[in-house]
């Protein structure tokens, strides 16, 4: 993923920064997941777009930060996926980061009058002697402590690091994350709608409307505050798997977890677990990776310009 991002950055004239190893000391979620596969280990990839001729006045432009989940393969870790055929599609668990990368790769040609930063949170969730374990307590970027319950709920850990990094260091006007996050989203909305979460109803409606015109549909889902107690922990600030509740709303509680890391940003969470990969030729999607989110994000970015 890092090598591909570098190729695209060089070709398109994008700024890029890649962190690995000791440089990831503050990224507790990324390390907890990615250290299960230490060769090559996790990567934090940051790409930046500024319109031509605007480097001196770029600070006046709206700043969009897109955080993408980039789990290059997901075994489930110690909480191994069962039945095992659930793993066969897990090459696509990096679809969120890939969509973010594809989106920013188009911007130098389209030249929207905005700033865009993409954060690709990349790791392999493997089963090994260095893998995180249920009952571990980790520290996300920014200092929030988290009790690990299920190592197969790894995507929200890497995303939380990226969201917290964006809030602390990038001052985003808009903060978007995109991830193949929960099977629950697929159960509720099939493989033709992404689950969209945001407190900003106007912003959410913009995405819904653009989803209809772009063909990448999203459904605005509720952030239900009554479910927030499911994230409580006896030993940390949060538990990441909503283990304290029994609300049968895995996509909702995952979004509530992520919301802890977005500050007061205008935030949209796109859960593309269903739409990121197609099991068969269906409509305009051929079997395999769909690239879901690229058209939707580009159309939205252009609407701001």
C-alpha atoms as a PDB file:
ATOM      1  CA  UNK A   1       0.000   0.000   0.000  1.00  0.00           C
ATOM      2  CA  UNK A   2       2.835   2.397   0.867  1.00  0.00           C
ATOM      3  CA  UNK A   3       4.684   1.601  -2.352  1.00  0.00           C
ATOM      4  CA  UNK A   4       1.555   2.159  -4.439  1.00  0.00           C
ATOM      5  CA  UNK A   5       0.839   5.431  -2.630  1.00  0.00           C
ATOM      6  CA  UNK A   6       4.403   6.610  -3.357  1.00  0.00           C
ATOM      7  CA  UNK A   7       4.039   5.769  -7.049  1.00  0.00           C
ATOM      8  CA  UNK A   8       0.794   7.724  -7.281  1.00  0.00           C
ATOM      9  CA  UNK A   9       2.204  10.639  -5.287  1.00  0.00           C
ATOM     10  CA  UNK A  10       5.234  10.862  -7.572  1.00  0.00           C
ATOM     11  CA  UNK A  11       3.076  10.638 -10.690  1.00  0.00           C
ATOM     12  CA  UNK A  12       0.488  13.186  -9.536  1.00  0.00           C
ATOM     13  CA  UNK A  13       2.680  15.614  -7.643  1.00  0.00           C
ATOM     14  CA  UNK A  14       1.182  14.900  -4.221  1.00  0.00           C
ATOM     15  CA  UNK A  15       3.059  15.321  -0.956  1.00  0.00           C
ATOM     16  CA  UNK A  16       3.485  12.051   0.931  1.00  0.00           C
ATOM     17  CA  UNK A  17       4.741  10.959   4.342  1.00  0.00           C
ATOM     18  CA  UNK A  18       5.061   7.331   5.471  1.00  0.00           C
ATOM     19  CA  UNK A  19       5.664   6.362   9.109  1.00  0.00           C
ATOM     20  CA  UNK A  20       6.796   2.912  10.260  1.00  0.00           C
ATOM     21  CA  UNK A  21       8.507   1.209  13.179  1.00  0.00           C
ATOM     22  CA  UNK A  22       9.437   3.493  16.079  1.00  0.00           C
ATOM     23  CA  UNK A  23       7.818   6.432  14.285  1.00  0.00           C
ATOM     24  CA  UNK A  24       4.449   4.875  15.186  1.00  0.00           C
ATOM     25  CA  UNK A  25       5.039   5.027  18.941  1.00  0.00           C
ATOM     26  CA  UNK A  26       1.968   7.222  19.546  1.00  0.00           C
ATOM     27  CA  UNK A  27      -0.319   5.140  17.298  1.00  0.00           C
ATOM     28  CA  UNK A  28      -1.413   2.540  19.821  1.00  0.00           C
ATOM     29  CA  UNK A  29      -4.263   1.140  17.757  1.00  0.00           C
ATOM     30  CA  UNK A  30      -2.220   0.751  14.589  1.00  0.00           C
ATOM     31  CA  UNK A  31       0.594  -0.946  16.489  1.00  0.00           C
ATOM     32  CA  UNK A  32      -1.731  -3.248  18.434  1.00  0.00           C
ATOM     33  CA  UNK A  33      -3.195  -4.564  15.191  1.00  0.00           C
ATOM     34  CA  UNK A  34      -0.167  -4.411  12.911  1.00  0.00           C
ATOM     35  CA  UNK A  35       2.475  -5.805  15.252  1.00  0.00           C
ATOM     36  CA  UNK A  36       0.850  -9.194  14.756  1.00  0.00           C
ATOM     37  CA  UNK A  37       2.654  -9.136  11.398  1.00  0.00           C
ATOM     38  CA  UNK A  38       5.970  -7.382  12.098  1.00  0.00           C
ATOM     39  CA  UNK A  39       7.401  -8.031   8.647  1.00  0.00           C
ATOM     40  CA  UNK A  40       6.809  -5.529   7.104  1.00  0.00           C
ATOM     41  CA  UNK A  41       4.743  -4.140   9.996  1.00  0.00           C
ATOM     42  CA  UNK A  42       2.092  -1.398  10.036  1.00  0.00           C
ATOM     43  CA  UNK A  43       2.270   1.838   8.058  1.00  0.00           C
ATOM     44  CA  UNK A  44       0.779   5.300   8.494  1.00  0.00           C
ATOM     45  CA  UNK A  45       0.546   6.942   5.075  1.00  0.00           C
ATOM     46  CA  UNK A  46      -0.331  10.632   4.714  1.00  0.00           C
ATOM     47  CA  UNK A  47      -0.923  12.250   1.315  1.00  0.00           C
ATOM     48  CA  UNK A  48      -1.760  15.897   0.674  1.00  0.00           C
ATOM     49  CA  UNK A  49      -3.321  17.791  -2.227  1.00  0.00           C
ATOM     50  CA  UNK A  50      -3.240  21.565  -2.750  1.00  0.00           C
ATOM     51  CA  UNK A  51      -4.518  23.214  -5.960  1.00  0.00           C
ATOM     52  CA  UNK A  52      -1.880  24.475  -8.372  1.00  0.00           C
ATOM     53  CA  UNK A  53      -0.745  27.992  -7.632  1.00  0.00           C
ATOM     54  CA  UNK A  54      -2.326  28.069  -4.157  1.00  0.00           C
ATOM     55  CA  UNK A  55       0.559  26.949  -1.946  1.00  0.00           C
ATOM     56  CA  UNK A  56       0.905  30.443  -0.468  1.00  0.00           C
ATOM     57  CA  UNK A  57      -2.819  30.890   0.225  1.00  0.00           C
ATOM     58  CA  UNK A  58      -3.821  27.282   0.839  1.00  0.00           C
ATOM     59  CA  UNK A  59      -4.707  27.940   4.473  1.00  0.00           C
ATOM     60  CA  UNK A  60      -7.754  29.918   3.331  1.00  0.00           C
ATOM     61  CA  UNK A  61      -9.206  26.905   1.510  1.00  0.00           C
ATOM     62  CA  UNK A  62     -11.580  24.370   3.111  1.00  0.00           C
ATOM     63  CA  UNK A  63      -9.579  21.422   4.470  1.00  0.00           C
ATOM     64  CA  UNK A  64     -10.949  17.907   4.020  1.00  0.00           C
ATOM     65  CA  UNK A  65      -9.311  14.970   5.799  1.00  0.00           C
ATOM     66  CA  UNK A  66     -10.217  11.437   4.690  1.00  0.00           C
ATOM     67  CA  UNK A  67      -9.165   8.523   6.908  1.00  0.00           C
ATOM     68  CA  UNK A  68      -9.195   5.076   5.293  1.00  0.00           C
ATOM     69  CA  UNK A  69      -9.038   1.651   6.921  1.00  0.00           C
ATOM     70  CA  UNK A  70      -6.236  -0.303   5.275  1.00  0.00           C
ATOM     71  CA  UNK A  71      -6.234  -3.796   6.778  1.00  0.00           C
ATOM     72  CA  UNK A  72      -4.374  -5.681   4.062  1.00  0.00           C
ATOM     73  CA  UNK A  73      -5.590  -9.052   5.343  1.00  0.00           C
ATOM     74  CA  UNK A  74      -7.786  -9.838   8.320  1.00  0.00           C
ATOM     75  CA  UNK A  75      -7.613 -13.249   9.953  1.00  0.00           C
ATOM     76  CA  UNK A  76      -9.427 -11.924  13.002  1.00  0.00           C
ATOM     77  CA  UNK A  77      -6.230 -12.309  15.024  1.00  0.00           C
ATOM     78  CA  UNK A  78      -6.504 -14.317  18.243  1.00  0.00           C
ATOM     79  CA  UNK A  79     -10.310 -14.005  17.905  1.00  0.00           C
ATOM     80  CA  UNK A  80      -9.975 -16.043  14.717  1.00  0.00           C
ATOM     81  CA  UNK A  81     -12.734 -15.706  12.129  1.00  0.00           C
ATOM     82  CA  UNK A  82     -15.046 -18.724  12.058  1.00  0.00           C
ATOM     83  CA  UNK A  83     -16.128 -20.380   9.871  1.00  0.00           C
ATOM     84  CA  UNK A  84     -12.792 -19.942   8.131  1.00  0.00           C
ATOM     85  CA  UNK A  85     -14.271 -19.260   4.709  1.00  0.00           C
ATOM     86  CA  UNK A  86     -15.149 -15.806   6.102  1.00  0.00           C
ATOM     87  CA  UNK A  87     -11.463 -15.017   5.527  1.00  0.00           C
ATOM     88  CA  UNK A  88     -11.431 -15.579   1.786  1.00  0.00           C
ATOM     89  CA  UNK A  89     -12.569 -12.039   0.967  1.00  0.00           C
ATOM     90  CA  UNK A  90     -10.297 -10.339   3.496  1.00  0.00           C
ATOM     91  CA  UNK A  91      -7.857  -9.077   0.866  1.00  0.00           C
ATOM     92  CA  UNK A  92     -10.534  -6.400   0.439  1.00  0.00           C
ATOM     93  CA  UNK A  93     -10.334  -5.182   4.042  1.00  0.00           C
ATOM     94  CA  UNK A  94      -8.127  -2.347   2.770  1.00  0.00           C
ATOM     95  CA  UNK A  95     -10.929  -1.032   0.531  1.00  0.00           C
ATOM     96  CA  UNK A  96     -11.420   2.135   2.576  1.00  0.00           C
ATOM     97  CA  UNK A  97      -7.764   3.160   2.313  1.00  0.00           C
ATOM     98  CA  UNK A  98      -7.748   2.220  -1.362  1.00  0.00           C
ATOM     99  CA  UNK A  99     -10.814   4.384  -2.020  1.00  0.00           C
ATOM    100  CA  UNK A 100      -9.199   7.299  -0.197  1.00  0.00           C
ATOM    101  CA  UNK A 101      -6.018   6.877  -2.244  1.00  0.00           C
ATOM    102  CA  UNK A 102      -7.942   6.671  -5.515  1.00  0.00           C
ATOM    103  CA  UNK A 103      -9.909   9.776  -4.590  1.00  0.00           C
ATOM    104  CA  UNK A 104      -6.873  11.955  -3.939  1.00  0.00           C
ATOM    105  CA  UNK A 105      -5.154  10.572  -7.047  1.00  0.00           C
ATOM    106  CA  UNK A 106      -7.878  12.168  -9.205  1.00  0.00           C
ATOM    107  CA  UNK A 107      -7.700  15.637  -7.660  1.00  0.00           C
ATOM    108  CA  UNK A 108      -4.589  16.970  -9.445  1.00  0.00           C
ATOM    109  CA  UNK A 109      -6.445  16.449 -12.737  1.00  0.00           C
ATOM    110  CA  UNK A 110      -9.733  17.930 -11.489  1.00  0.00           C
ATOM    111  CA  UNK A 111      -8.175  20.825  -9.504  1.00  0.00           C
ATOM    112  CA  UNK A 112     -10.946  21.465  -6.948  1.00  0.00           C
ATOM    113  CA  UNK A 113     -10.333  24.572  -4.842  1.00  0.00           C
ATOM    114  CA  UNK A 114      -9.959  22.745  -1.540  1.00  0.00           C
ATOM    115  CA  UNK A 115      -7.180  21.169   0.473  1.00  0.00           C
ATOM    116  CA  UNK A 116      -7.384  17.403   0.919  1.00  0.00           C
ATOM    117  CA  UNK A 117      -5.349  15.183   3.214  1.00  0.00           C
ATOM    118  CA  UNK A 118      -5.688  11.395   3.093  1.00  0.00           C
ATOM    119  CA  UNK A 119      -4.589   9.179   5.989  1.00  0.00           C
ATOM    120  CA  UNK A 120      -4.198   5.491   5.137  1.00  0.00           C
ATOM    121  CA  UNK A 121      -4.083   3.370   8.288  1.00  0.00           C
ATOM    122  CA  UNK A 122      -2.445   0.173   7.039  1.00  0.00           C
ATOM    123  CA  UNK A 123      -1.737  -3.090   8.838  1.00  0.00           C
ATOM    124  CA  UNK A 124      -2.250  -6.831   8.591  1.00  0.00           C
ATOM    125  CA  UNK A 125      -4.351  -8.406  11.339  1.00  0.00           C
ATOM    126  CA  UNK A 126      -2.598 -11.724  11.660  1.00  0.00           C
ATOM    127  CA  UNK A 127      -2.417 -14.541  14.190  1.00  0.00           C
ATOM    128  CA  UNK A 128       1.035 -14.714  15.774  1.00  0.00           C
ATOM    129  CA  UNK A 129       3.015 -14.624  18.982  1.00  0.00           C
ATOM    130  CA  UNK A 130       3.141 -10.827  18.831  1.00  0.00           C
ATOM    131  CA  UNK A 131      -0.616 -10.405  18.258  1.00  0.00           C
ATOM    132  CA  UNK A 132      -2.732  -8.418  20.695  1.00  0.00           C
ATOM    133  CA  UNK A 133      -4.936 -10.457  23.024  1.00  0.00           C
ATOM    134  CA  UNK A 134      -8.410 -10.083  24.472  1.00  0.00           C
ATOM    135  CA  UNK A 135      -7.992  -8.305  27.850  1.00  0.00           C
ATOM    136  CA  UNK A 136      -5.067  -6.160  26.657  1.00  0.00           C
ATOM    137  CA  UNK A 137      -5.324  -2.424  27.325  1.00  0.00           C
ATOM    138  CA  UNK A 138      -3.917  -0.131  24.647  1.00  0.00           C
ATOM    139  CA  UNK A 139      -3.575   3.640  24.318  1.00  0.00           C
ATOM    140  CA  UNK A 140      -4.952   5.223  21.163  1.00  0.00           C
ATOM    141  CA  UNK A 141      -3.327   8.281  19.586  1.00  0.00           C
ATOM    142  CA  UNK A 142      -4.147  11.178  21.901  1.00  0.00           C
ATOM    143  CA  UNK A 143      -4.209   9.177  25.127  1.00  0.00           C
ATOM    144  CA  UNK A 144      -7.564   7.345  25.296  1.00  0.00           C
ATOM    145  CA  UNK A 145      -7.107   3.919  26.904  1.00  0.00           C
ATOM    146  CA  UNK A 146      -9.043   1.019  25.417  1.00  0.00           C
ATOM    147  CA  UNK A 147      -9.796  -2.481  26.661  1.00  0.00           C
ATOM    148  CA  UNK A 148      -9.439  -5.039  23.879  1.00  0.00           C
ATOM    149  CA  UNK A 149     -12.336  -7.492  23.861  1.00  0.00           C
ATOM    150  CA  UNK A 150     -12.367  -9.009  20.385  1.00  0.00           C
ATOM    151  CA  UNK A 151      -9.278  -8.771  18.172  1.00  0.00           C
ATOM    152  CA  UNK A 152     -11.494  -9.097  15.091  1.00  0.00           C
ATOM    153  CA  UNK A 153     -12.864  -5.619  15.818  1.00  0.00           C
ATOM    154  CA  UNK A 154      -9.553  -4.180  14.669  1.00  0.00           C
ATOM    155  CA  UNK A 155     -10.664  -1.650  12.071  1.00  0.00           C
ATOM    156  CA  UNK A 156     -11.995   0.854  14.580  1.00  0.00           C
ATOM    157  CA  UNK A 157      -8.655   0.767  16.420  1.00  0.00           C
ATOM    158  CA  UNK A 158      -6.634   1.888  13.410  1.00  0.00           C
ATOM    159  CA  UNK A 159      -9.296   4.414  12.374  1.00  0.00           C
ATOM    160  CA  UNK A 160      -9.419   5.941  15.851  1.00  0.00           C
ATOM    161  CA  UNK A 161      -5.691   6.664  15.672  1.00  0.00           C
ATOM    162  CA  UNK A 162      -6.169   8.364  12.305  1.00  0.00           C
ATOM    163  CA  UNK A 163      -9.142  10.433  13.449  1.00  0.00           C
ATOM    164  CA  UNK A 164      -7.388  11.566  16.628  1.00  0.00           C
ATOM    165  CA  UNK A 165      -4.256  12.449  14.632  1.00  0.00           C
ATOM    166  CA  UNK A 166      -6.341  14.515  12.209  1.00  0.00           C
ATOM    167  CA  UNK A 167      -8.062  16.459  14.995  1.00  0.00           C
ATOM    168  CA  UNK A 168      -4.805  17.175  16.841  1.00  0.00           C
ATOM    169  CA  UNK A 169      -2.558  18.011  13.887  1.00  0.00           C
ATOM    170  CA  UNK A 170      -4.551  18.898  10.764  1.00  0.00           C
ATOM    171  CA  UNK A 171      -7.428  21.194  11.831  1.00  0.00           C
ATOM    172  CA  UNK A 172      -9.945  19.698   9.374  1.00  0.00           C
ATOM    173  CA  UNK A 173     -13.057  21.556   8.267  1.00  0.00           C
ATOM    174  CA  UNK A 174     -14.493  18.186   7.280  1.00  0.00           C
ATOM    175  CA  UNK A 175     -13.421  14.809   8.662  1.00  0.00           C
ATOM    176  CA  UNK A 176     -14.473  11.722   6.710  1.00  0.00           C
ATOM    177  CA  UNK A 177     -13.636   8.094   7.404  1.00  0.00           C
ATOM    178  CA  UNK A 178     -14.326   5.167   5.126  1.00  0.00           C
ATOM    179  CA  UNK A 179     -13.954   1.530   6.118  1.00  0.00           C
ATOM    180  CA  UNK A 180     -15.097  -2.025   5.597  1.00  0.00           C
ATOM    181  CA  UNK A 181     -15.975  -1.972   9.269  1.00  0.00           C
ATOM    182  CA  UNK A 182     -18.869  -4.211  10.359  1.00  0.00           C
ATOM    183  CA  UNK A 183     -20.810  -7.174   9.088  1.00  0.00           C
ATOM    184  CA  UNK A 184     -23.796  -5.587  10.802  1.00  0.00           C
ATOM    185  CA  UNK A 185     -23.915  -2.868   8.142  1.00  0.00           C
ATOM    186  CA  UNK A 186     -24.224  -5.535   5.456  1.00  0.00           C
ATOM    187  CA  UNK A 187     -26.990  -7.347   7.322  1.00  0.00           C
ATOM    188  CA  UNK A 188     -29.046  -4.193   7.561  1.00  0.00           C
ATOM    189  CA  UNK A 189     -28.443  -2.569   4.186  1.00  0.00           C
ATOM    190  CA  UNK A 190     -27.325  -5.353   1.819  1.00  0.00           C
ATOM    191  CA  UNK A 191     -24.379  -4.905  -0.514  1.00  0.00           C
ATOM    192  CA  UNK A 192     -25.889  -1.962  -2.376  1.00  0.00           C
ATOM    193  CA  UNK A 193     -25.974   0.725   0.338  1.00  0.00           C
ATOM    194  CA  UNK A 194     -23.203   1.990   2.591  1.00  0.00           C
ATOM    195  CA  UNK A 195     -24.092   2.862   6.188  1.00  0.00           C
ATOM    196  CA  UNK A 196     -23.519   6.574   6.773  1.00  0.00           C
ATOM    197  CA  UNK A 197     -23.241   8.132  10.221  1.00  0.00           C
ATOM    198  CA  UNK A 198     -23.087  11.829  11.062  1.00  0.00           C
ATOM    199  CA  UNK A 199     -24.586  14.266  13.567  1.00  0.00           C
ATOM    200  CA  UNK A 200     -24.604  16.887  10.800  1.00  0.00           C
ATOM    201  CA  UNK A 201     -27.901  16.191   9.038  1.00  0.00           C
ATOM    202  CA  UNK A 202     -27.276  18.713   6.264  1.00  0.00           C
ATOM    203  CA  UNK A 203     -23.877  17.204   5.458  1.00  0.00           C
ATOM    204  CA  UNK A 204     -25.285  13.685   5.633  1.00  0.00           C
ATOM    205  CA  UNK A 205     -28.053  14.596   3.198  1.00  0.00           C
ATOM    206  CA  UNK A 206     -25.480  15.947   0.753  1.00  0.00           C
ATOM    207  CA  UNK A 207     -23.787  12.556   0.735  1.00  0.00           C
ATOM    208  CA  UNK A 208     -27.084  10.721   0.389  1.00  0.00           C
ATOM    209  CA  UNK A 209     -28.123  12.894  -2.578  1.00  0.00           C
ATOM    210  CA  UNK A 210     -24.747  12.552  -4.285  1.00  0.00           C
ATOM    211  CA  UNK A 211     -24.867   8.820  -3.676  1.00  0.00           C
ATOM    212  CA  UNK A 212     -28.055   8.601  -5.691  1.00  0.00           C
ATOM    213  CA  UNK A 213     -26.568  10.524  -8.611  1.00  0.00           C
ATOM    214  CA  UNK A 214     -23.172   8.800  -8.542  1.00  0.00           C
ATOM    215  CA  UNK A 215     -24.565   5.290  -8.140  1.00  0.00           C
ATOM    216  CA  UNK A 216     -22.758   4.801  -4.814  1.00  0.00           C
ATOM    217  CA  UNK A 217     -25.710   4.896  -2.456  1.00  0.00           C
ATOM    218  CA  UNK A 218     -25.545   5.561   1.271  1.00  0.00           C
ATOM    219  CA  UNK A 219     -28.220   5.411   3.960  1.00  0.00           C
ATOM    220  CA  UNK A 220     -28.130   7.837   6.905  1.00  0.00           C
ATOM    221  CA  UNK A 221     -28.104   5.703  10.050  1.00  0.00           C
ATOM    222  CA  UNK A 222     -28.737   6.878  13.629  1.00  0.00           C
ATOM    223  CA  UNK A 223     -26.076   7.483  16.268  1.00  0.00           C
ATOM    224  CA  UNK A 224     -28.147   6.216  19.194  1.00  0.00           C
ATOM    225  CA  UNK A 225     -26.939   7.747  22.440  1.00  0.00           C
ATOM    226  CA  UNK A 226     -28.787   5.148  24.512  1.00  0.00           C
ATOM    227  CA  UNK A 227     -26.251   2.578  23.254  1.00  0.00           C
ATOM    228  CA  UNK A 228     -23.203   4.530  24.463  1.00  0.00           C
ATOM    229  CA  UNK A 229     -23.018   2.621  27.752  1.00  0.00           C
ATOM    230  CA  UNK A 230     -22.022  -0.476  25.774  1.00  0.00           C
ATOM    231  CA  UNK A 231     -18.562   1.083  25.354  1.00  0.00           C
ATOM    232  CA  UNK A 232     -17.867   1.373  29.084  1.00  0.00           C
ATOM    233  CA  UNK A 233     -14.953  -0.514  30.633  1.00  0.00           C
ATOM    234  CA  UNK A 234     -13.934  -1.423  34.177  1.00  0.00           C
ATOM    235  CA  UNK A 235     -10.215  -1.095  33.387  1.00  0.00           C
ATOM    236  CA  UNK A 236      -9.938   1.564  30.646  1.00  0.00           C
ATOM    237  CA  UNK A 237     -11.662   4.628  29.245  1.00  0.00           C
ATOM    238  CA  UNK A 238     -13.523   2.504  26.685  1.00  0.00           C
ATOM    239  CA  UNK A 239     -13.973  -1.026  25.472  1.00  0.00           C
ATOM    240  CA  UNK A 240     -13.815  -1.113  21.691  1.00  0.00           C
ATOM    241  CA  UNK A 241     -16.264  -3.923  20.972  1.00  0.00           C
ATOM    242  CA  UNK A 242     -19.348  -2.525  22.765  1.00  0.00           C
ATOM    243  CA  UNK A 243     -19.155  -5.546  25.023  1.00  0.00           C
ATOM    244  CA  UNK A 244     -21.135  -4.021  27.894  1.00  0.00           C
ATOM    245  CA  UNK A 245     -24.389  -3.878  25.955  1.00  0.00           C
ATOM    246  CA  UNK A 246     -26.601  -6.279  24.071  1.00  0.00           C
ATOM    247  CA  UNK A 247     -28.153  -3.966  21.523  1.00  0.00           C
ATOM    248  CA  UNK A 248     -27.646  -6.045  18.359  1.00  0.00           C
ATOM    249  CA  UNK A 249     -26.495  -2.904  16.569  1.00  0.00           C
ATOM    250  CA  UNK A 250     -22.843  -3.531  15.766  1.00  0.00           C
ATOM    251  CA  UNK A 251     -22.563  -0.900  13.055  1.00  0.00           C
ATOM    252  CA  UNK A 252     -24.114   1.752  15.322  1.00  0.00           C
ATOM    253  CA  UNK A 253     -21.884   1.009  18.310  1.00  0.00           C
ATOM    254  CA  UNK A 254     -18.780   0.951  16.097  1.00  0.00           C
ATOM    255  CA  UNK A 255     -19.713   4.427  14.880  1.00  0.00           C
ATOM    256  CA  UNK A 256     -20.268   5.581  18.471  1.00  0.00           C
ATOM    257  CA  UNK A 257     -16.768   4.339  19.302  1.00  0.00           C
ATOM    258  CA  UNK A 258     -15.238   6.324  16.434  1.00  0.00           C
ATOM    259  CA  UNK A 259     -17.172   9.425  17.463  1.00  0.00           C
ATOM    260  CA  UNK A 260     -15.089   9.600  20.649  1.00  0.00           C
ATOM    261  CA  UNK A 261     -12.091  10.596  18.511  1.00  0.00           C
ATOM    262  CA  UNK A 262     -13.533  13.243  16.167  1.00  0.00           C
ATOM    263  CA  UNK A 263     -13.771  16.219  18.521  1.00  0.00           C
ATOM    264  CA  UNK A 264     -16.157  18.874  17.206  1.00  0.00           C
ATOM    265  CA  UNK A 265     -15.355  18.152  13.553  1.00  0.00           C
ATOM    266  CA  UNK A 266     -17.986  18.006  10.839  1.00  0.00           C
ATOM    267  CA  UNK A 267     -17.655  14.234  10.656  1.00  0.00           C
ATOM    268  CA  UNK A 268     -19.035  11.556   8.346  1.00  0.00           C
ATOM    269  CA  UNK A 269     -18.389   7.837   8.827  1.00  0.00           C
ATOM    270  CA  UNK A 270     -18.947   5.525   5.849  1.00  0.00           C
ATOM    271  CA  UNK A 271     -19.195   1.818   6.693  1.00  0.00           C
ATOM    272  CA  UNK A 272     -18.664   0.083   3.333  1.00  0.00           C
ATOM    273  CA  UNK A 273     -18.431  -3.494   4.580  1.00  0.00           C
ATOM    274  CA  UNK A 274     -21.209  -4.500   2.199  1.00  0.00           C
ATOM    275  CA  UNK A 275     -20.468  -2.275  -0.755  1.00  0.00           C
ATOM    276  CA  UNK A 276     -16.676  -2.539  -0.904  1.00  0.00           C
ATOM    277  CA  UNK A 277     -16.699  -6.007  -2.457  1.00  0.00           C
ATOM    278  CA  UNK A 278     -19.175  -7.871  -4.634  1.00  0.00           C
ATOM    279  CA  UNK A 279     -19.503 -11.659  -4.407  1.00  0.00           C
ATOM    280  CA  UNK A 280     -20.896 -11.858  -7.930  1.00  0.00           C
ATOM    281  CA  UNK A 281     -21.637  -9.808 -11.011  1.00  0.00           C
ATOM    282  CA  UNK A 282     -24.432  -7.572  -9.768  1.00  0.00           C
ATOM    283  CA  UNK A 283     -25.676  -4.499 -11.586  1.00  0.00           C
ATOM    284  CA  UNK A 284     -22.721  -2.375 -12.591  1.00  0.00           C
ATOM    285  CA  UNK A 285     -20.377  -4.177 -10.172  1.00  0.00           C
ATOM    286  CA  UNK A 286     -18.322  -7.079 -11.416  1.00  0.00           C
ATOM    287  CA  UNK A 287     -17.282  -9.766  -8.962  1.00  0.00           C
ATOM    288  CA  UNK A 288     -14.513  -8.608  -6.641  1.00  0.00           C
ATOM    289  CA  UNK A 289     -13.475  -5.183  -5.378  1.00  0.00           C
ATOM    290  CA  UNK A 290     -15.891  -2.418  -6.349  1.00  0.00           C
ATOM    291  CA  UNK A 291     -13.911   0.739  -5.602  1.00  0.00           C
ATOM    292  CA  UNK A 292     -16.958   1.995  -3.706  1.00  0.00           C
ATOM    293  CA  UNK A 293     -16.613   5.516  -2.383  1.00  0.00           C
ATOM    294  CA  UNK A 294     -14.372   7.010  -5.046  1.00  0.00           C
ATOM    295  CA  UNK A 295     -17.148   8.516  -7.171  1.00  0.00           C
ATOM    296  CA  UNK A 296     -19.095   9.586  -4.100  1.00  0.00           C
ATOM    297  CA  UNK A 297     -16.132  11.307  -2.455  1.00  0.00           C
ATOM    298  CA  UNK A 298     -14.968  12.993  -5.661  1.00  0.00           C
ATOM    299  CA  UNK A 299     -18.460  14.304  -6.410  1.00  0.00           C
ATOM    300  CA  UNK A 300     -18.761  15.644  -2.875  1.00  0.00           C
ATOM    301  CA  UNK A 301     -15.343  17.317  -2.989  1.00  0.00           C
ATOM    302  CA  UNK A 302     -16.192  18.944  -6.319  1.00  0.00           C
ATOM    303  CA  UNK A 303     -19.481  20.199  -4.865  1.00  0.00           C
ATOM    304  CA  UNK A 304     -17.470  22.194  -2.289  1.00  0.00           C
ATOM    305  CA  UNK A 305     -15.186  23.779  -4.850  1.00  0.00           C
END
